[in-house]
C-alpha atoms as a PDB file:
ATOM      1  CA  UNK A   1     154.924 -20.831  46.618  1.00  0.00           C
ATOM      2  CA  UNK A   2     153.016 -24.062  46.110  1.00  0.00           C
ATOM      3  CA  UNK A   3     153.679 -26.360  43.171  1.00  0.00           C
ATOM      4  CA  UNK A   4     150.002 -26.131  42.195  1.00  0.00           C
ATOM      5  CA  UNK A   5     150.250 -22.331  42.057  1.00  0.00           C
ATOM      6  CA  UNK A   6     153.230 -22.706  39.730  1.00  0.00           C
ATOM      7  CA  UNK A   7     151.222 -25.134  37.594  1.00  0.00           C
ATOM      8  CA  UNK A   8     148.316 -22.710  37.382  1.00  0.00           C
ATOM      9  CA  UNK A   9     150.643 -19.898  36.337  1.00  0.00           C
ATOM     10  CA  UNK A  10     152.309 -22.091  33.730  1.00  0.00           C
ATOM     11  CA  UNK A  11     148.994 -23.360  32.394  1.00  0.00           C
ATOM     12  CA  UNK A  12     147.506 -19.912  32.081  1.00  0.00           C
ATOM     13  CA  UNK A  13     150.567 -18.422  30.418  1.00  0.00           C
ATOM     14  CA  UNK A  14     152.074 -21.180  28.280  1.00  0.00           C
ATOM     15  CA  UNK A  15     149.434 -23.735  27.352  1.00  0.00           C
ATOM     16  CA  UNK A  16     147.525 -21.159  25.370  1.00  0.00           C
ATOM     17  CA  UNK A  17     150.757 -20.439  23.485  1.00  0.00           C
ATOM     18  CA  UNK A  18     151.514 -23.971  22.337  1.00  0.00           C
ATOM     19  CA  UNK A  19     153.229 -25.592  25.298  1.00  0.00           C
ATOM     20  CA  UNK A  20     156.884 -24.679  24.860  1.00  0.00           C
ATOM     21  CA  UNK A  21     158.578 -27.288  22.687  1.00  0.00           C
ATOM     22  CA  UNK A  22     162.255 -28.219  23.034  1.00  0.00           C
ATOM     23  CA  UNK A  23     163.597 -24.707  23.481  1.00  0.00           C
ATOM     24  CA  UNK A  24     166.094 -24.595  26.390  1.00  0.00           C
ATOM     25  CA  UNK A  25     164.676 -22.751  29.374  1.00  0.00           C
ATOM     26  CA  UNK A  26     161.053 -23.074  28.238  1.00  0.00           C
ATOM     27  CA  UNK A  27     158.465 -24.863  30.299  1.00  0.00           C
ATOM     28  CA  UNK A  28     156.922 -27.894  28.597  1.00  0.00           C
ATOM     29  CA  UNK A  29     153.911 -29.953  29.549  1.00  0.00           C
ATOM     30  CA  UNK A  30     155.649 -33.335  29.383  1.00  0.00           C
ATOM     31  CA  UNK A  31     158.718 -32.289  31.336  1.00  0.00           C
ATOM     32  CA  UNK A  32     157.342 -29.785  33.840  1.00  0.00           C
ATOM     33  CA  UNK A  33     153.550 -29.508  34.093  1.00  0.00           C
ATOM     34  CA  UNK A  34     152.436 -33.092  33.452  1.00  0.00           C
ATOM     35  CA  UNK A  35     154.417 -34.621  36.320  1.00  0.00           C
ATOM     36  CA  UNK A  36     152.955 -32.088  38.792  1.00  0.00           C
ATOM     37  CA  UNK A  37     149.408 -32.752  37.586  1.00  0.00           C
ATOM     38  CA  UNK A  38     149.952 -36.511  37.769  1.00  0.00           C
ATOM     39  CA  UNK A  39     151.363 -36.260  41.292  1.00  0.00           C
ATOM     40  CA  UNK A  40     148.759 -33.848  42.689  1.00  0.00           C
ATOM     41  CA  UNK A  41     145.620 -34.080  40.566  1.00  0.00           C
ATOM     42  CA  UNK A  42     145.354 -37.214  38.432  1.00  0.00           C
ATOM     43  CA  UNK A  43     144.258 -39.548  41.219  1.00  0.00           C
ATOM     44  CA  UNK A  44     140.852 -37.813  41.114  1.00  0.00           C
ATOM     45  CA  UNK A  45     141.045 -36.110  37.699  1.00  0.00           C
ATOM     46  CA  UNK A  46     140.822 -39.257  35.577  1.00  0.00           C
ATOM     47  CA  UNK A  47     137.943 -41.093  33.914  1.00  0.00           C
ATOM     48  CA  UNK A  48     135.734 -42.899  36.412  1.00  0.00           C
ATOM     49  CA  UNK A  49     136.881 -40.915  39.447  1.00  0.00           C
ATOM     50  CA  UNK A  50     135.212 -38.170  41.469  1.00  0.00           C
ATOM     51  CA  UNK A  51     136.600 -35.069  39.681  1.00  0.00           C
ATOM     52  CA  UNK A  52     134.454 -33.571  36.906  1.00  0.00           C
ATOM     53  CA  UNK A  53     137.124 -33.693  34.164  1.00  0.00           C
ATOM     54  CA  UNK A  54     140.378 -35.552  33.435  1.00  0.00           C
ATOM     55  CA  UNK A  55     143.824 -33.929  33.570  1.00  0.00           C
ATOM     56  CA  UNK A  56     145.981 -36.625  32.043  1.00  0.00           C
ATOM     57  CA  UNK A  57     147.051 -34.978  28.809  1.00  0.00           C
ATOM     58  CA  UNK A  58     148.175 -31.633  27.450  1.00  0.00           C
ATOM     59  CA  UNK A  59     144.881 -31.146  25.579  1.00  0.00           C
ATOM     60  CA  UNK A  60     142.824 -31.838  28.714  1.00  0.00           C
ATOM     61  CA  UNK A  61     144.890 -29.450  30.833  1.00  0.00           C
ATOM     62  CA  UNK A  62     144.820 -26.776  28.136  1.00  0.00           C
ATOM     63  CA  UNK A  63     141.024 -26.965  27.933  1.00  0.00           C
ATOM     64  CA  UNK A  64     140.769 -26.232  31.677  1.00  0.00           C
ATOM     65  CA  UNK A  65     143.780 -23.903  32.101  1.00  0.00           C
ATOM     66  CA  UNK A  66     141.730 -20.875  33.202  1.00  0.00           C
ATOM     67  CA  UNK A  67     139.669 -22.932  35.664  1.00  0.00           C
ATOM     68  CA  UNK A  68     142.807 -24.551  37.100  1.00  0.00           C
ATOM     69  CA  UNK A  69     144.303 -21.095  37.516  1.00  0.00           C
ATOM     70  CA  UNK A  70     141.234 -19.830  39.379  1.00  0.00           C
ATOM     71  CA  UNK A  71     141.078 -22.835  41.689  1.00  0.00           C
ATOM     72  CA  UNK A  72     144.782 -23.078  42.523  1.00  0.00           C
ATOM     73  CA  UNK A  73     145.937 -19.456  42.256  1.00  0.00           C
END
């Protein structure tokens, strides 16, 4: 299973629910999702680059969670 597929699953299921928090065993944006997006997506998904929207923050990823899920799932 690809890391981007995992990200899309996490985004679609948890971002809409508030992002997790500091509950042990819960996925959080800063600890789990953000690093994957930065490693795989942020080189293009940032202001001034070729991608149509940025993916540098929780709010940006949350706004595009369904689209990310469709494109990576």
